[in-house]
């Protein structure tokens, strides 16, 4: 199931997206200008009745592991 959240500027929030059924999703972080996938987080379990925060961090052009792009998910 596709739940699209697109074109978010740095330090901005998205509108809420409601999940009506339990689902497993793959989260993609894409470069807005090129469409290139910068990071993939596969098999994220999303369960009905939870609130999730998803955020991206890191730099695209770095060789330092602790500074590389990643996505994080927290369930509340």
PDB file of N, CA and C in Angstrom:
ATOM      1  N   UNK A   1       0.848  -1.182   0.000  1.00  0.00           N
ATOM      2  CA  UNK A   1       0.000   0.000   0.000  1.00  0.00           C
ATOM      3  C   UNK A   1       0.888   1.237   0.000  1.00  0.00           C
ATOM      4  N   UNK A   2       0.597   2.178  -0.875  1.00  0.00           N
ATOM      5  CA  UNK A   2       1.398   3.396  -0.980  1.00  0.00           C
ATOM      6  C   UNK A   2       0.774   4.497  -0.135  1.00  0.00           C
ATOM      7  N   UNK A   3       1.586   5.059   0.742  1.00  0.00           N
ATOM      8  CA  UNK A   3       1.180   6.224   1.529  1.00  0.00           C
ATOM      9  C   UNK A   3       2.198   7.304   1.205  1.00  0.00           C
ATOM     10  N   UNK A   4       1.854   8.195   0.309  1.00  0.00           N
ATOM     11  CA  UNK A   4       2.817   9.183  -0.164  1.00  0.00           C
ATOM     12  C   UNK A   4       2.877  10.431   0.689  1.00  0.00           C
ATOM     13  N   UNK A   5       4.080  10.807   1.011  1.00  0.00           N
ATOM     14  CA  UNK A   5       4.350  12.087   1.667  1.00  0.00           C
ATOM     15  C   UNK A   5       5.485  12.701   0.864  1.00  0.00           C
ATOM     16  N   UNK A   6       5.200  13.780   0.170  1.00  0.00           N
ATOM     17  CA  UNK A   6       6.160  14.291  -0.803  1.00  0.00           C
ATOM     18  C   UNK A   6       6.532  15.745  -0.558  1.00  0.00           C
ATOM     19  N   UNK A   7       7.720  16.073  -1.038  1.00  0.00           N
ATOM     20  CA  UNK A   7       8.182  17.461  -1.124  1.00  0.00           C
ATOM     21  C   UNK A   7       8.138  18.213   0.198  1.00  0.00           C
ATOM     22  N   UNK A   8       8.780  17.680   1.197  1.00  0.00           N
ATOM     23  CA  UNK A   8       8.827  18.342   2.496  1.00  0.00           C
ATOM     24  C   UNK A   8      10.154  19.068   2.640  1.00  0.00           C
ATOM     25  N   UNK A   9      10.096  20.319   3.006  1.00  0.00           N
ATOM     26  CA  UNK A   9      11.303  21.115   3.236  1.00  0.00           C
ATOM     27  C   UNK A   9      11.919  20.747   4.582  1.00  0.00           C
ATOM     28  N   UNK A  10      13.185  21.060   4.738  1.00  0.00           N
ATOM     29  CA  UNK A  10      13.913  20.819   5.981  1.00  0.00           C
ATOM     30  C   UNK A  10      13.176  21.457   7.149  1.00  0.00           C
ATOM     31  N   UNK A  11      13.053  20.717   8.226  1.00  0.00           N
ATOM     32  CA  UNK A  11      12.403  21.159   9.468  1.00  0.00           C
ATOM     33  C   UNK A  11      10.911  21.449   9.313  1.00  0.00           C
ATOM     34  N   UNK A  12      10.240  20.732   8.419  1.00  0.00           N
ATOM     35  CA  UNK A  12       8.793  20.885   8.316  1.00  0.00           C
ATOM     36  C   UNK A  12       8.120  19.556   8.641  1.00  0.00           C
ATOM     37  N   UNK A  13       6.880  19.642   9.069  1.00  0.00           N
ATOM     38  CA  UNK A  13       6.100  18.450   9.391  1.00  0.00           C
ATOM     39  C   UNK A  13       5.125  18.156   8.259  1.00  0.00           C
ATOM     40  N   UNK A  14       4.659  16.931   8.218  1.00  0.00           N
ATOM     41  CA  UNK A  14       3.678  16.523   7.218  1.00  0.00           C
ATOM     42  C   UNK A  14       2.306  16.425   7.859  1.00  0.00           C
ATOM     43  N   UNK A  15       1.279  16.429   7.041  1.00  0.00           N
ATOM     44  CA  UNK A  15      -0.047  16.150   7.587  1.00  0.00           C
ATOM     45  C   UNK A  15      -0.101  14.689   8.052  1.00  0.00           C
ATOM     46  N   UNK A  16      -1.013  14.387   8.950  1.00  0.00           N
ATOM     47  CA  UNK A  16      -1.165  13.010   9.402  1.00  0.00           C
ATOM     48  C   UNK A  16      -1.718  12.148   8.280  1.00  0.00           C
ATOM     49  N   UNK A  17      -1.255  10.896   8.241  1.00  0.00           N
ATOM     50  CA  UNK A  17      -1.797   9.883   7.338  1.00  0.00           C
ATOM     51  C   UNK A  17      -2.360   8.777   8.218  1.00  0.00           C
ATOM     52  N   UNK A  18      -3.602   8.392   7.989  1.00  0.00           N
ATOM     53  CA  UNK A  18      -4.244   7.372   8.805  1.00  0.00           C
ATOM     54  C   UNK A  18      -4.016   5.986   8.215  1.00  0.00           C
ATOM     55  N   UNK A  19      -3.728   5.037   9.093  1.00  0.00           N
ATOM     56  CA  UNK A  19      -3.549   3.646   8.703  1.00  0.00           C
ATOM     57  C   UNK A  19      -4.784   2.897   9.179  1.00  0.00           C
ATOM     58  N   UNK A  20      -5.529   2.312   8.250  1.00  0.00           N
ATOM     59  CA  UNK A  20      -6.776   1.655   8.617  1.00  0.00           C
ATOM     60  C   UNK A  20      -6.603   0.169   8.911  1.00  0.00           C
ATOM     61  N   UNK A  21      -5.526  -0.433   8.460  1.00  0.00           N
ATOM     62  CA  UNK A  21      -5.241  -1.845   8.701  1.00  0.00           C
ATOM     63  C   UNK A  21      -3.765  -2.005   9.016  1.00  0.00           C
ATOM     64  N   UNK A  22      -3.424  -3.111   9.687  1.00  0.00           N
ATOM     65  CA  UNK A  22      -2.012  -3.416   9.894  1.00  0.00           C
ATOM     66  C   UNK A  22      -1.356  -3.585   8.531  1.00  0.00           C
ATOM     67  N   UNK A  23      -0.132  -3.109   8.406  1.00  0.00           N
ATOM     68  CA  UNK A  23       0.551  -3.175   7.115  1.00  0.00           C
ATOM     69  C   UNK A  23       2.054  -3.265   7.315  1.00  0.00           C
ATOM     70  N   UNK A  24       2.716  -3.793   6.320  1.00  0.00           N
ATOM     71  CA  UNK A  24       4.169  -3.780   6.263  1.00  0.00           C
ATOM     72  C   UNK A  24       4.525  -2.881   5.091  1.00  0.00           C
ATOM     73  N   UNK A  25       5.419  -1.928   5.325  1.00  0.00           N
ATOM     74  CA  UNK A  25       5.739  -0.950   4.289  1.00  0.00           C
ATOM     75  C   UNK A  25       7.246  -0.820   4.118  1.00  0.00           C
ATOM     76  N   UNK A  26       7.641  -0.379   2.949  1.00  0.00           N
ATOM     77  CA  UNK A  26       9.021   0.003   2.682  1.00  0.00           C
ATOM     78  C   UNK A  26       9.038   1.517   2.559  1.00  0.00           C
ATOM     79  N   UNK A  27       9.855   2.170   3.378  1.00  0.00           N
ATOM     80  CA  UNK A  27       9.947   3.626   3.355  1.00  0.00           C
ATOM     81  C   UNK A  27      11.123   4.039   2.478  1.00  0.00           C
ATOM     82  N   UNK A  28      10.883   4.997   1.607  1.00  0.00           N
ATOM     83  CA  UNK A  28      11.914   5.502   0.698  1.00  0.00           C
ATOM     84  C   UNK A  28      12.127   6.981   0.945  1.00  0.00           C
ATOM     85  N   UNK A  29      13.371   7.387   0.961  1.00  0.00           N
ATOM     86  CA  UNK A  29      13.728   8.803   0.996  1.00  0.00           C
ATOM     87  C   UNK A  29      14.327   9.121  -0.365  1.00  0.00           C
ATOM     88  N   UNK A  30      13.683  10.055  -1.093  1.00  0.00           N
ATOM     89  CA  UNK A  30      14.117  10.378  -2.451  1.00  0.00           C
ATOM     90  C   UNK A  30      14.590  11.816  -2.551  1.00  0.00           C
ATOM     91  N   UNK A  31      15.541  12.032  -3.457  1.00  0.00           N
ATOM     92  CA  UNK A  31      15.990  13.373  -3.802  1.00  0.00           C
ATOM     93  C   UNK A  31      14.895  14.038  -4.636  1.00  0.00           C
ATOM     94  N   UNK A  32      14.427  15.191  -4.203  1.00  0.00           N
ATOM     95  CA  UNK A  32      13.331  15.878  -4.899  1.00  0.00           C
ATOM     96  C   UNK A  32      13.710  16.242  -6.335  1.00  0.00           C
ATOM     97  N   UNK A  33      14.941  16.683  -6.547  1.00  0.00           N
ATOM     98  CA  UNK A  33      15.359  17.161  -7.870  1.00  0.00           C
ATOM     99  C   UNK A  33      15.544  16.023  -8.870  1.00  0.00           C
ATOM    100  N   UNK A  34      16.111  14.896  -8.423  1.00  0.00           N
ATOM    101  CA  UNK A  34      16.461  13.822  -9.352  1.00  0.00           C
ATOM    102  C   UNK A  34      15.547  12.605  -9.266  1.00  0.00           C
ATOM    103  N   UNK A  35      14.831  12.462  -8.155  1.00  0.00           N
ATOM    104  CA  UNK A  35      14.016  11.267  -7.950  1.00  0.00           C
ATOM    105  C   UNK A  35      14.816  10.068  -7.477  1.00  0.00           C
ATOM    106  N   UNK A  36      16.126  10.239  -7.315  1.00  0.00           N
ATOM    107  CA  UNK A  36      17.000   9.151  -6.874  1.00  0.00           C
ATOM    108  C   UNK A  36      16.644   8.740  -5.444  1.00  0.00           C
ATOM    109  N   UNK A  37      16.581   7.431  -5.210  1.00  0.00           N
ATOM    110  CA  UNK A  37      16.349   6.920  -3.862  1.00  0.00           C
ATOM    111  C   UNK A  37      17.650   7.047  -3.077  1.00  0.00           C
ATOM    112  N   UNK A  38      17.603   7.803  -1.983  1.00  0.00           N
ATOM    113  CA  UNK A  38      18.791   8.037  -1.162  1.00  0.00           C
ATOM    114  C   UNK A  38      18.894   7.045  -0.010  1.00  0.00           C
ATOM    115  N   UNK A  39      17.731   6.555   0.452  1.00  0.00           N
ATOM    116  CA  UNK A  39      17.737   5.605   1.563  1.00  0.00           C
ATOM    117  C   UNK A  39      16.458   4.785   1.514  1.00  0.00           C
ATOM    118  N   UNK A  40      16.581   3.505   1.839  1.00  0.00           N
ATOM    119  CA  UNK A  40      15.442   2.593   1.887  1.00  0.00           C
ATOM    120  C   UNK A  40      15.395   1.930   3.250  1.00  0.00           C
ATOM    121  N   UNK A  41      14.219   1.935   3.863  1.00  0.00           N
ATOM    122  CA  UNK A  41      14.002   1.234   5.132  1.00  0.00           C
ATOM    123  C   UNK A  41      12.904   0.199   4.870  1.00  0.00           C
ATOM    124  N   UNK A  42      13.294  -1.082   4.654  1.00  0.00           N
ATOM    125  CA  UNK A  42      12.313  -2.101   4.284  1.00  0.00           C
ATOM    126  C   UNK A  42      11.584  -2.693   5.492  1.00  0.00           C
ATOM    127  N   UNK A  43      10.449  -3.311   5.212  1.00  0.00           N
ATOM    128  CA  UNK A  43       9.709  -4.124   6.185  1.00  0.00           C
ATOM    129  C   UNK A  43       9.378  -3.404   7.486  1.00  0.00           C
ATOM    130  N   UNK A  44       8.882  -2.186   7.380  1.00  0.00           N
ATOM    131  CA  UNK A  44       8.449  -1.433   8.560  1.00  0.00           C
ATOM    132  C   UNK A  44       7.020  -1.868   8.874  1.00  0.00           C
ATOM    133  N   UNK A  45       6.807  -2.401  10.077  1.00  0.00           N
ATOM    134  CA  UNK A  45       5.471  -2.854  10.473  1.00  0.00           C
ATOM    135  C   UNK A  45       4.684  -1.684  11.043  1.00  0.00           C
ATOM    136  N   UNK A  46       3.557  -1.395  10.421  1.00  0.00           N
ATOM    137  CA  UNK A  46       2.673  -0.321  10.857  1.00  0.00           C
ATOM    138  C   UNK A  46       1.386  -0.962  11.354  1.00  0.00           C
ATOM    139  N   UNK A  47       1.020  -0.668  12.588  1.00  0.00           N
ATOM    140  CA  UNK A  47      -0.144  -1.312  13.195  1.00  0.00           C
ATOM    141  C   UNK A  47      -1.246  -0.300  13.474  1.00  0.00           C
ATOM    142  N   UNK A  48      -2.449  -0.726  13.195  1.00  0.00           N
ATOM    143  CA  UNK A  48      -3.637   0.092  13.453  1.00  0.00           C
ATOM    144  C   UNK A  48      -3.681   0.466  14.929  1.00  0.00           C
ATOM    145  N   UNK A  49      -4.014   1.736  15.209  1.00  0.00           N
ATOM    146  CA  UNK A  49      -4.138   2.185  16.590  1.00  0.00           C
ATOM    147  C   UNK A  49      -2.888   2.836  17.155  1.00  0.00           C
ATOM    148  N   UNK A  50      -1.803   2.847  16.396  1.00  0.00           N
ATOM    149  CA  UNK A  50      -0.568   3.482  16.843  1.00  0.00           C
ATOM    150  C   UNK A  50      -0.357   4.790  16.084  1.00  0.00           C
ATOM    151  N   UNK A  51       0.425   5.660  16.679  1.00  0.00           N
ATOM    152  CA  UNK A  51       0.871   6.884  16.021  1.00  0.00           C
ATOM    153  C   UNK A  51       2.363   6.715  15.777  1.00  0.00           C
ATOM    154  N   UNK A  52       2.810   7.012  14.568  1.00  0.00           N
ATOM    155  CA  UNK A  52       4.215   6.842  14.212  1.00  0.00           C
ATOM    156  C   UNK A  52       4.843   8.181  13.850  1.00  0.00           C
ATOM    157  N   UNK A  53       6.067   8.349  14.276  1.00  0.00           N
ATOM    158  CA  UNK A  53       6.885   9.476  13.833  1.00  0.00           C
ATOM    159  C   UNK A  53       7.978   8.905  12.948  1.00  0.00           C
ATOM    160  N   UNK A  54       8.121   9.457  11.759  1.00  0.00           N
ATOM    161  CA  UNK A  54       9.174   9.039  10.830  1.00  0.00           C
ATOM    162  C   UNK A  54      10.008  10.267  10.534  1.00  0.00           C
ATOM    163  N   UNK A  55      11.312  10.141  10.675  1.00  0.00           N
ATOM    164  CA  UNK A  55      12.166  11.283  10.376  1.00  0.00           C
ATOM    165  C   UNK A  55      13.442  10.837   9.690  1.00  0.00           C
ATOM    166  N   UNK A  56      13.966  11.752   8.896  1.00  0.00           N
ATOM    167  CA  UNK A  56      15.210  11.519   8.164  1.00  0.00           C
ATOM    168  C   UNK A  56      16.309  12.342   8.802  1.00  0.00           C
ATOM    169  N   UNK A  57      17.525  11.800   8.742  1.00  0.00           N
ATOM    170  CA  UNK A  57      18.676  12.544   9.244  1.00  0.00           C
ATOM    171  C   UNK A  57      19.881  12.186   8.400  1.00  0.00           C
ATOM    172  N   UNK A  58      20.881  13.041   8.418  1.00  0.00           N
ATOM    173  CA  UNK A  58      22.136  12.728   7.761  1.00  0.00           C
ATOM    174  C   UNK A  58      22.422  13.551   6.519  1.00  0.00           C
ATOM    175  N   UNK A  59      23.577  13.251   5.955  1.00  0.00           N
ATOM    176  CA  UNK A  59      24.081  13.961   4.783  1.00  0.00           C
ATOM    177  C   UNK A  59      24.192  12.997   3.610  1.00  0.00           C
ATOM    178  N   UNK A  60      23.885  13.483   2.430  1.00  0.00           N
ATOM    179  CA  UNK A  60      23.949  12.650   1.238  1.00  0.00           C
ATOM    180  C   UNK A  60      25.386  12.386   0.797  1.00  0.00           C
ATOM    181  N   UNK A  61      26.224  13.390   0.824  1.00  0.00           N
ATOM    182  CA  UNK A  61      27.584  13.272   0.290  1.00  0.00           C
ATOM    183  C   UNK A  61      28.603  13.219   1.422  1.00  0.00           C
ATOM    184  N   UNK A  62      28.635  12.094   2.135  1.00  0.00           N
ATOM    185  CA  UNK A  62      29.620  11.925   3.197  1.00  0.00           C
ATOM    186  C   UNK A  62      30.112  10.489   3.217  1.00  0.00           C
ATOM    187  N   UNK A  63      31.329  10.309   3.672  1.00  0.00           N
ATOM    188  CA  UNK A  63      31.871   8.962   3.845  1.00  0.00           C
ATOM    189  C   UNK A  63      31.935   8.577   5.319  1.00  0.00           C
ATOM    190  N   UNK A  64      31.535   9.478   6.196  1.00  0.00           N
ATOM    191  CA  UNK A  64      31.547   9.225   7.637  1.00  0.00           C
ATOM    192  C   UNK A  64      30.258   8.486   8.003  1.00  0.00           C
ATOM    193  N   UNK A  65      30.382   7.247   8.477  1.00  0.00           N
ATOM    194  CA  UNK A  65      29.212   6.413   8.748  1.00  0.00           C
ATOM    195  C   UNK A  65      28.195   7.075   9.668  1.00  0.00           C
ATOM    196  N   UNK A  66      28.637   7.758  10.697  1.00  0.00           N
ATOM    197  CA  UNK A  66      27.712   8.362  11.661  1.00  0.00           C
ATOM    198  C   UNK A  66      26.971   9.569  11.087  1.00  0.00           C
ATOM    199  N   UNK A  67      27.392  10.052   9.914  1.00  0.00           N
ATOM    200  CA  UNK A  67      26.743  11.208   9.286  1.00  0.00           C
ATOM    201  C   UNK A  67      25.907  10.835   8.066  1.00  0.00           C
ATOM    202  N   UNK A  68      25.879   9.550   7.701  1.00  0.00           N
ATOM    203  CA  UNK A  68      25.149   9.123   6.507  1.00  0.00           C
ATOM    204  C   UNK A  68      23.639   9.203   6.715  1.00  0.00           C
ATOM    205  N   UNK A  69      22.918   9.300   5.611  1.00  0.00           N
ATOM    206  CA  UNK A  69      21.462   9.392   5.635  1.00  0.00           C
ATOM    207  C   UNK A  69      20.851   8.130   6.229  1.00  0.00           C
ATOM    208  N   UNK A  70      19.814   8.339   7.028  1.00  0.00           N
ATOM    209  CA  UNK A  70      19.022   7.217   7.531  1.00  0.00           C
ATOM    210  C   UNK A  70      17.602   7.693   7.811  1.00  0.00           C
ATOM    211  N   UNK A  71      16.721   6.747   7.969  1.00  0.00           N
ATOM    212  CA  UNK A  71      15.337   7.002   8.369  1.00  0.00           C
ATOM    213  C   UNK A  71      15.104   6.304   9.695  1.00  0.00           C
ATOM    214  N   UNK A  72      14.371   6.935  10.564  1.00  0.00           N
ATOM    215  CA  UNK A  72      14.046   6.366  11.872  1.00  0.00           C
ATOM    216  C   UNK A  72      12.531   6.378  12.031  1.00  0.00           C
ATOM    217  N   UNK A  73      12.010   5.370  12.725  1.00  0.00           N
ATOM    218  CA  UNK A  73      10.576   5.264  12.985  1.00  0.00           C
ATOM    219  C   UNK A  73      10.376   5.018  14.469  1.00  0.00           C
ATOM    220  N   UNK A  74       9.484   5.791  15.073  1.00  0.00           N
ATOM    221  CA  UNK A  74       9.115   5.592  16.478  1.00  0.00           C
ATOM    222  C   UNK A  74       7.613   5.389  16.554  1.00  0.00           C
ATOM    223  N   UNK A  75       7.194   4.394  17.333  1.00  0.00           N
ATOM    224  CA  UNK A  75       5.766   4.149  17.563  1.00  0.00           C
ATOM    225  C   UNK A  75       5.385   4.748  18.905  1.00  0.00           C
ATOM    226  N   UNK A  76       4.217   5.352  18.954  1.00  0.00           N
ATOM    227  CA  UNK A  76       3.735   5.983  20.187  1.00  0.00           C
ATOM    228  C   UNK A  76       2.387   5.404  20.548  1.00  0.00           C
TER     229      UNK A  76
END
